[in-house]
Amino acid sequence: MTAVLASAVAGLLTGFSLIVAIGAQNAFVLRQGLARQWVGTVVAICAGSDLALIVAGVGGFGGLLTRTAPALAAVRWLGIAFLLWFAAGSLRRAWRAPSSLRVDGGSPAQVTGSAGSAGSARAAVAARTAAFTWLNPHVYLDTVLILGTVGGNEGTTGRWCFAAGAGLASCLWFTGLGYGARLASGALASPMTWRALDLAIGLTMLYVAYRLASL
């Protein structure tokens, strides 16, 4: 029982150490949380994707990842293109300094209109969330390779306890980031504040794209 708990705690701490770093995905989750837009969908996709990749890594797919360099390179360049596109949108919103906050690209507001338009908005947010997750090579390196390798050394039973701990870290982090951001939404309600936030997010995306291109 002690060994099982130790493996789970190791997974929890290792997962937190990898996921807390500020990056494109975390910046996007934070923005959606502040905007109060489909936060549950965003959190579920991010945490569920992490859990699936962690299980795959602990299950032995880490070795396969190291043998698929061309595929990983293709994902890397797709991720760079997506980050540049999203950065351009964030910087454009920051430059335009909107006089009102709306929902057309990520500004905070309540979604109104028909059920069809609301469904389209949710689908668009879900697609962006999936892109930030699955087009980011660092996600594969952190979850499949690093967590998979570390967890694989925990033994037959311990590895799955390690995976559970790492998955819990992901769930706690994204839930706290997405829903906890609402506590600051009142202080961030002015268009000028959102200009600054969009500028910071755009620059973050450009930096992450640069880092990916430098790999």
C-alpha atoms as a PDB file:
ATOM      1  CA  MET A   1       0.000   0.000   0.000  1.00  0.00           C
ATOM      2  CA  THR A   2       2.860   2.366   0.858  1.00  0.00           C
ATOM      3  CA  ALA A   3       4.580   1.676  -2.461  1.00  0.00           C
ATOM      4  CA  VAL A   4       1.351   2.285  -4.378  1.00  0.00           C
ATOM      5  CA  LEU A   5       0.804   5.613  -2.605  1.00  0.00           C
ATOM      6  CA  ALA A   6       4.417   6.613  -3.192  1.00  0.00           C
ATOM      7  CA  SER A   7       4.043   5.953  -6.917  1.00  0.00           C
ATOM      8  CA  ALA A   8       0.848   8.011  -7.072  1.00  0.00           C
ATOM      9  CA  VAL A   9       2.458  10.924  -5.204  1.00  0.00           C
ATOM     10  CA  ALA A  10       5.499  10.725  -7.479  1.00  0.00           C
ATOM     11  CA  GLY A  11       3.217  10.923 -10.501  1.00  0.00           C
ATOM     12  CA  LEU A  12       1.315  13.872  -9.008  1.00  0.00           C
ATOM     13  CA  LEU A  13       4.472  15.871  -8.271  1.00  0.00           C
ATOM     14  CA  THR A  14       6.158  15.015 -11.561  1.00  0.00           C
ATOM     15  CA  GLY A  15       3.011  15.907 -13.478  1.00  0.00           C
ATOM     16  CA  PHE A  16       2.745  19.282 -11.759  1.00  0.00           C
ATOM     17  CA  SER A  17       6.426  20.026 -12.383  1.00  0.00           C
ATOM     18  CA  LEU A  18       5.929  19.578 -16.126  1.00  0.00           C
ATOM     19  CA  ILE A  19       2.505  21.145 -16.616  1.00  0.00           C
ATOM     20  CA  VAL A  20       2.790  24.338 -14.575  1.00  0.00           C
ATOM     21  CA  ALA A  21       5.282  25.974 -16.959  1.00  0.00           C
ATOM     22  CA  ILE A  22       3.693  28.881 -18.840  1.00  0.00           C
ATOM     23  CA  GLY A  23       3.076  27.934 -22.434  1.00  0.00           C
ATOM     24  CA  ALA A  24       0.678  28.317 -25.314  1.00  0.00           C
ATOM     25  CA  GLN A  25      -1.883  25.853 -23.961  1.00  0.00           C
ATOM     26  CA  ASN A  26      -1.930  27.339 -20.464  1.00  0.00           C
ATOM     27  CA  ALA A  27      -2.238  30.864 -21.875  1.00  0.00           C
ATOM     28  CA  PHE A  28      -5.223  29.788 -23.958  1.00  0.00           C
ATOM     29  CA  VAL A  29      -6.930  28.075 -21.010  1.00  0.00           C
ATOM     30  CA  LEU A  30      -6.355  31.170 -18.888  1.00  0.00           C
ATOM     31  CA  ARG A  31      -7.897  33.413 -21.524  1.00  0.00           C
ATOM     32  CA  GLN A  32     -10.954  31.207 -21.904  1.00  0.00           C
ATOM     33  CA  GLY A  33     -11.348  31.134 -18.135  1.00  0.00           C
ATOM     34  CA  LEU A  34     -11.198  34.913 -17.904  1.00  0.00           C
ATOM     35  CA  ALA A  35     -13.663  35.201 -20.776  1.00  0.00           C
ATOM     36  CA  ARG A  36     -15.922  32.528 -19.195  1.00  0.00           C
ATOM     37  CA  GLN A  37     -16.277  30.843 -22.577  1.00  0.00           C
ATOM     38  CA  TRP A  38     -16.897  27.076 -22.656  1.00  0.00           C
ATOM     39  CA  VAL A  39     -14.479  26.555 -19.770  1.00  0.00           C
ATOM     40  CA  GLY A  40     -15.762  23.045 -19.060  1.00  0.00           C
ATOM     41  CA  THR A  41     -15.158  22.008 -22.673  1.00  0.00           C
ATOM     42  CA  VAL A  42     -11.633  23.448 -22.640  1.00  0.00           C
ATOM     43  CA  VAL A  43     -10.720  21.836 -19.309  1.00  0.00           C
ATOM     44  CA  ALA A  44     -12.155  18.452 -20.332  1.00  0.00           C
ATOM     45  CA  ILE A  45     -10.228  18.389 -23.628  1.00  0.00           C
ATOM     46  CA  CYS A  46      -6.920  19.457 -22.051  1.00  0.00           C
ATOM     47  CA  ALA A  47      -7.108  17.129 -19.056  1.00  0.00           C
ATOM     48  CA  GLY A  48      -8.576  14.220 -21.038  1.00  0.00           C
ATOM     49  CA  SER A  49      -5.897  14.520 -23.716  1.00  0.00           C
ATOM     50  CA  ASP A  50      -3.145  14.611 -21.113  1.00  0.00           C
ATOM     51  CA  LEU A  51      -4.567  11.546 -19.388  1.00  0.00           C
ATOM     52  CA  ALA A  52      -4.760   9.615 -22.665  1.00  0.00           C
ATOM     53  CA  LEU A  53      -1.168  10.503 -23.556  1.00  0.00           C
ATOM     54  CA  ILE A  54       0.101   9.684 -20.055  1.00  0.00           C
ATOM     55  CA  VAL A  55      -1.560   6.266 -20.189  1.00  0.00           C
ATOM     56  CA  ALA A  56      -0.068   5.710 -23.646  1.00  0.00           C
ATOM     57  CA  GLY A  57       3.384   6.664 -22.385  1.00  0.00           C
ATOM     58  CA  VAL A  58       3.218   4.478 -19.283  1.00  0.00           C
ATOM     59  CA  GLY A  59       1.873   1.684 -21.461  1.00  0.00           C
ATOM     60  CA  GLY A  60       5.092   1.696 -23.509  1.00  0.00           C
ATOM     61  CA  PHE A  61       4.535   4.106 -26.402  1.00  0.00           C
ATOM     62  CA  GLY A  62       7.498   6.257 -25.371  1.00  0.00           C
ATOM     63  CA  GLY A  63       9.840   4.040 -27.345  1.00  0.00           C
ATOM     64  CA  LEU A  64       7.613   4.323 -30.396  1.00  0.00           C
ATOM     65  CA  LEU A  65       7.751   8.117 -30.158  1.00  0.00           C
ATOM     66  CA  THR A  66      11.531   8.103 -30.338  1.00  0.00           C
ATOM     67  CA  ARG A  67      11.350   6.091 -33.576  1.00  0.00           C
ATOM     68  CA  THR A  68       8.892   8.401 -35.338  1.00  0.00           C
ATOM     69  CA  ALA A  69      11.054  11.491 -35.804  1.00  0.00           C
ATOM     70  CA  PRO A  70       9.514  12.457 -39.207  1.00  0.00           C
ATOM     71  CA  ALA A  71       5.988  12.388 -37.762  1.00  0.00           C
ATOM     72  CA  LEU A  72       7.083  14.411 -34.744  1.00  0.00           C
ATOM     73  CA  ALA A  73       8.751  16.952 -37.049  1.00  0.00           C
ATOM     74  CA  ALA A  74       5.541  17.280 -39.081  1.00  0.00           C
ATOM     75  CA  VAL A  75       3.544  17.919 -35.898  1.00  0.00           C
ATOM     76  CA  ARG A  76       6.153  20.470 -34.833  1.00  0.00           C
ATOM     77  CA  TRP A  77       5.805  22.550 -38.008  1.00  0.00           C
ATOM     78  CA  LEU A  78       2.020  22.309 -37.958  1.00  0.00           C
ATOM     79  CA  GLY A  79       2.155  23.526 -34.381  1.00  0.00           C
ATOM     80  CA  ILE A  80       4.409  26.439 -35.356  1.00  0.00           C
ATOM     81  CA  ALA A  81       2.010  27.472 -38.124  1.00  0.00           C
ATOM     82  CA  PHE A  82      -0.969  27.303 -35.749  1.00  0.00           C
ATOM     83  CA  LEU A  83       0.829  29.310 -33.060  1.00  0.00           C
ATOM     84  CA  LEU A  84       1.784  32.019 -35.555  1.00  0.00           C
ATOM     85  CA  TRP A  85      -1.824  32.195 -36.761  1.00  0.00           C
ATOM     86  CA  PHE A  86      -3.191  32.490 -33.232  1.00  0.00           C
ATOM     87  CA  ALA A  87      -0.509  35.022 -32.257  1.00  0.00           C
ATOM     88  CA  ALA A  88      -1.483  37.176 -35.242  1.00  0.00           C
ATOM     89  CA  GLY A  89      -5.123  37.156 -34.084  1.00  0.00           C
ATOM     90  CA  SER A  90      -4.187  38.091 -30.509  1.00  0.00           C
ATOM     91  CA  LEU A  91      -1.886  40.908 -31.622  1.00  0.00           C
ATOM     92  CA  ARG A  92      -4.538  42.185 -34.042  1.00  0.00           C
ATOM     93  CA  ARG A  93      -7.106  42.364 -31.226  1.00  0.00           C
ATOM     94  CA  ALA A  94      -4.565  44.151 -29.026  1.00  0.00           C
ATOM     95  CA  TRP A  95      -3.842  46.681 -31.783  1.00  0.00           C
ATOM     96  CA  ARG A  96      -7.505  47.431 -32.520  1.00  0.00           C
ATOM     97  CA  ALA A  97      -8.347  48.259 -28.872  1.00  0.00           C
ATOM     98  CA  PRO A  98     -12.067  47.282 -28.990  1.00  0.00           C
ATOM     99  CA  SER A  99     -14.486  49.650 -27.330  1.00  0.00           C
ATOM    100  CA  SER A 100     -16.688  46.740 -26.258  1.00  0.00           C
ATOM    101  CA  LEU A 101     -16.025  43.151 -25.317  1.00  0.00           C
ATOM    102  CA  ARG A 102     -17.571  40.546 -27.550  1.00  0.00           C
ATOM    103  CA  VAL A 103     -17.405  36.872 -28.393  1.00  0.00           C
ATOM    104  CA  ASP A 104     -16.095  36.806 -31.955  1.00  0.00           C
ATOM    105  CA  GLY A 105     -12.596  35.564 -31.259  1.00  0.00           C
ATOM    106  CA  GLY A 106     -12.201  35.134 -27.579  1.00  0.00           C
ATOM    107  CA  SER A 107     -13.340  38.375 -25.905  1.00  0.00           C
ATOM    108  CA  PRO A 108     -15.315  37.989 -22.697  1.00  0.00           C
ATOM    109  CA  ALA A 109     -19.076  38.087 -22.976  1.00  0.00           C
ATOM    110  CA  GLN A 110     -22.034  35.856 -22.561  1.00  0.00           C
ATOM    111  CA  VAL A 111     -22.808  33.801 -25.638  1.00  0.00           C
ATOM    112  CA  THR A 112     -26.154  34.790 -27.051  1.00  0.00           C
ATOM    113  CA  GLY A 113     -28.158  33.858 -30.095  1.00  0.00           C
ATOM    114  CA  SER A 114     -29.537  30.632 -31.443  1.00  0.00           C
ATOM    115  CA  ALA A 115     -28.599  27.183 -30.278  1.00  0.00           C
ATOM    116  CA  GLY A 116     -26.881  26.669 -33.627  1.00  0.00           C
ATOM    117  CA  SER A 117     -24.602  29.678 -33.193  1.00  0.00           C
ATOM    118  CA  ALA A 118     -23.791  28.606 -29.635  1.00  0.00           C
ATOM    119  CA  GLY A 119     -22.950  25.118 -30.879  1.00  0.00           C
ATOM    120  CA  SER A 120     -20.702  26.560 -33.578  1.00  0.00           C
ATOM    121  CA  ALA A 121     -18.911  28.699 -31.000  1.00  0.00           C
ATOM    122  CA  ARG A 122     -18.372  25.686 -28.752  1.00  0.00           C
ATOM    123  CA  ALA A 123     -17.071  23.636 -31.681  1.00  0.00           C
ATOM    124  CA  ALA A 124     -14.640  26.411 -32.647  1.00  0.00           C
ATOM    125  CA  VAL A 125     -13.301  26.638 -29.092  1.00  0.00           C
ATOM    126  CA  ALA A 126     -13.020  22.847 -28.894  1.00  0.00           C
ATOM    127  CA  ALA A 127     -11.086  22.778 -32.177  1.00  0.00           C
ATOM    128  CA  ARG A 128      -8.658  25.432 -30.946  1.00  0.00           C
ATOM    129  CA  THR A 129      -8.185  23.616 -27.653  1.00  0.00           C
ATOM    130  CA  ALA A 130      -7.460  20.348 -29.452  1.00  0.00           C
ATOM    131  CA  ALA A 131      -4.986  22.130 -31.717  1.00  0.00           C
ATOM    132  CA  PHE A 132      -3.132  23.658 -28.770  1.00  0.00           C
ATOM    133  CA  THR A 133      -2.896  20.186 -27.257  1.00  0.00           C
ATOM    134  CA  TRP A 134      -2.246  17.825 -30.140  1.00  0.00           C
ATOM    135  CA  LEU A 135      -0.154  20.133 -32.359  1.00  0.00           C
ATOM    136  CA  ASN A 136       2.321  20.833 -29.573  1.00  0.00           C
ATOM    137  CA  PRO A 137       5.332  18.458 -29.684  1.00  0.00           C
ATOM    138  CA  HIS A 138       6.188  19.375 -26.084  1.00  0.00           C
ATOM    139  CA  VAL A 139       2.974  17.646 -24.998  1.00  0.00           C
ATOM    140  CA  TYR A 140       4.229  14.350 -26.425  1.00  0.00           C
ATOM    141  CA  LEU A 141       7.683  14.808 -24.945  1.00  0.00           C
ATOM    142  CA  ASP A 142       6.312  15.658 -21.490  1.00  0.00           C
ATOM    143  CA  THR A 143       3.529  13.077 -21.278  1.00  0.00           C
ATOM    144  CA  VAL A 144       4.453  10.146 -23.512  1.00  0.00           C
ATOM    145  CA  LEU A 145       8.240  10.292 -23.276  1.00  0.00           C
ATOM    146  CA  ILE A 146       9.141  11.790 -19.882  1.00  0.00           C
ATOM    147  CA  LEU A 147       6.180  10.721 -17.766  1.00  0.00           C
ATOM    148  CA  GLY A 148       5.993   7.433 -19.661  1.00  0.00           C
ATOM    149  CA  THR A 149       9.659   6.683 -19.018  1.00  0.00           C
ATOM    150  CA  VAL A 150       9.581   7.685 -15.354  1.00  0.00           C
ATOM    151  CA  GLY A 151       6.299   5.896 -14.730  1.00  0.00           C
ATOM    152  CA  GLY A 152       7.486   2.793 -16.536  1.00  0.00           C
ATOM    153  CA  ASN A 153      10.169   2.353 -13.897  1.00  0.00           C
ATOM    154  CA  GLU A 154       7.575   2.111 -11.125  1.00  0.00           C
ATOM    155  CA  GLY A 155       6.816  -1.555 -11.760  1.00  0.00           C
ATOM    156  CA  THR A 156       3.778  -3.390 -13.095  1.00  0.00           C
ATOM    157  CA  THR A 157       1.310  -1.940 -10.586  1.00  0.00           C
ATOM    158  CA  GLY A 158       3.171   1.211  -9.642  1.00  0.00           C
ATOM    159  CA  ARG A 159       3.236   2.548 -13.183  1.00  0.00           C
ATOM    160  CA  TRP A 160      -0.545   2.823 -13.301  1.00  0.00           C
ATOM    161  CA  CYS A 161      -0.622   4.501  -9.890  1.00  0.00           C
ATOM    162  CA  PHE A 162       1.997   6.909 -11.219  1.00  0.00           C
ATOM    163  CA  ALA A 163      -0.189   7.549 -14.288  1.00  0.00           C
ATOM    164  CA  ALA A 164      -3.197   8.171 -12.040  1.00  0.00           C
ATOM    165  CA  GLY A 165      -1.227  10.699  -9.993  1.00  0.00           C
ATOM    166  CA  ALA A 166       0.057  12.486 -13.096  1.00  0.00           C
ATOM    167  CA  GLY A 167      -3.445  12.510 -14.584  1.00  0.00           C
ATOM    168  CA  LEU A 168      -4.828  13.960 -11.343  1.00  0.00           C
ATOM    169  CA  ALA A 169      -2.207  16.731 -11.519  1.00  0.00           C
ATOM    170  CA  SER A 170      -3.406  17.605 -15.013  1.00  0.00           C
ATOM    171  CA  CYS A 171      -7.075  17.633 -13.957  1.00  0.00           C
ATOM    172  CA  LEU A 172      -6.374  19.802 -10.911  1.00  0.00           C
ATOM    173  CA  TRP A 173      -4.201  22.231 -12.839  1.00  0.00           C
ATOM    174  CA  PHE A 174      -6.524  22.839 -15.784  1.00  0.00           C
ATOM    175  CA  THR A 175      -9.607  23.008 -13.554  1.00  0.00           C
ATOM    176  CA  GLY A 176      -7.937  25.511 -11.258  1.00  0.00           C
ATOM    177  CA  LEU A 177      -6.572  27.561 -14.152  1.00  0.00           C
ATOM    178  CA  GLY A 178      -9.836  27.635 -16.089  1.00  0.00           C
ATOM    179  CA  TYR A 179     -12.336  28.166 -13.292  1.00  0.00           C
ATOM    180  CA  GLY A 180      -9.992  30.020 -10.932  1.00  0.00           C
ATOM    181  CA  ALA A 181      -9.466  32.698 -13.579  1.00  0.00           C
ATOM    182  CA  ARG A 182     -13.090  33.783 -13.037  1.00  0.00           C
ATOM    183  CA  LEU A 183     -12.081  35.229  -9.676  1.00  0.00           C
ATOM    184  CA  ALA A 184     -10.068  37.847 -11.551  1.00  0.00           C
ATOM    185  CA  SER A 185     -12.574  38.483 -14.328  1.00  0.00           C
ATOM    186  CA  GLY A 186     -14.107  41.524 -12.616  1.00  0.00           C
ATOM    187  CA  ALA A 187     -10.760  43.269 -12.348  1.00  0.00           C
ATOM    188  CA  LEU A 188     -10.010  42.456 -15.989  1.00  0.00           C
ATOM    189  CA  ALA A 189     -13.241  43.731 -17.478  1.00  0.00           C
ATOM    190  CA  SER A 190     -11.902  46.834 -19.233  1.00  0.00           C
ATOM    191  CA  PRO A 191     -10.943  46.756 -22.926  1.00  0.00           C
ATOM    192  CA  MET A 192      -7.499  48.205 -22.116  1.00  0.00           C
ATOM    193  CA  THR A 193      -6.791  45.330 -19.764  1.00  0.00           C
ATOM    194  CA  TRP A 194      -7.741  42.865 -22.490  1.00  0.00           C
ATOM    195  CA  ARG A 195      -5.432  44.712 -24.895  1.00  0.00           C
ATOM    196  CA  ALA A 196      -2.579  44.012 -22.496  1.00  0.00           C
ATOM    197  CA  LEU A 197      -3.651  40.386 -22.051  1.00  0.00           C
ATOM    198  CA  ASP A 198      -3.940  39.798 -25.800  1.00  0.00           C
ATOM    199  CA  LEU A 199      -0.545  41.414 -26.313  1.00  0.00           C
ATOM    200  CA  ALA A 200       1.020  39.160 -23.665  1.00  0.00           C
ATOM    201  CA  ILE A 201      -0.639  36.053 -25.121  1.00  0.00           C
ATOM    202  CA  GLY A 202       0.401  36.975 -28.665  1.00  0.00           C
ATOM    203  CA  LEU A 203       4.019  37.471 -27.602  1.00  0.00           C
ATOM    204  CA  THR A 204       3.912  34.188 -25.669  1.00  0.00           C
ATOM    205  CA  MET A 205       2.689  32.352 -28.765  1.00  0.00           C
ATOM    206  CA  LEU A 206       5.472  33.904 -30.850  1.00  0.00           C
ATOM    207  CA  TYR A 207       8.059  32.870 -28.259  1.00  0.00           C
ATOM    208  CA  VAL A 208       6.779  29.299 -28.112  1.00  0.00           C
ATOM    209  CA  ALA A 209       6.749  29.137 -31.928  1.00  0.00           C
ATOM    210  CA  TYR A 210      10.356  30.353 -31.950  1.00  0.00           C
ATOM    211  CA  ARG A 211      11.360  27.721 -29.394  1.00  0.00           C
ATOM    212  CA  LEU A 212       9.679  24.989 -31.428  1.00  0.00           C
ATOM    213  CA  ALA A 213      11.409  26.162 -34.615  1.00  0.00           C
ATOM    214  CA  SER A 214      14.751  26.057 -32.775  1.00  0.00           C
ATOM    215  CA  LEU A 215      14.441  22.408 -31.764  1.00  0.00           C
END
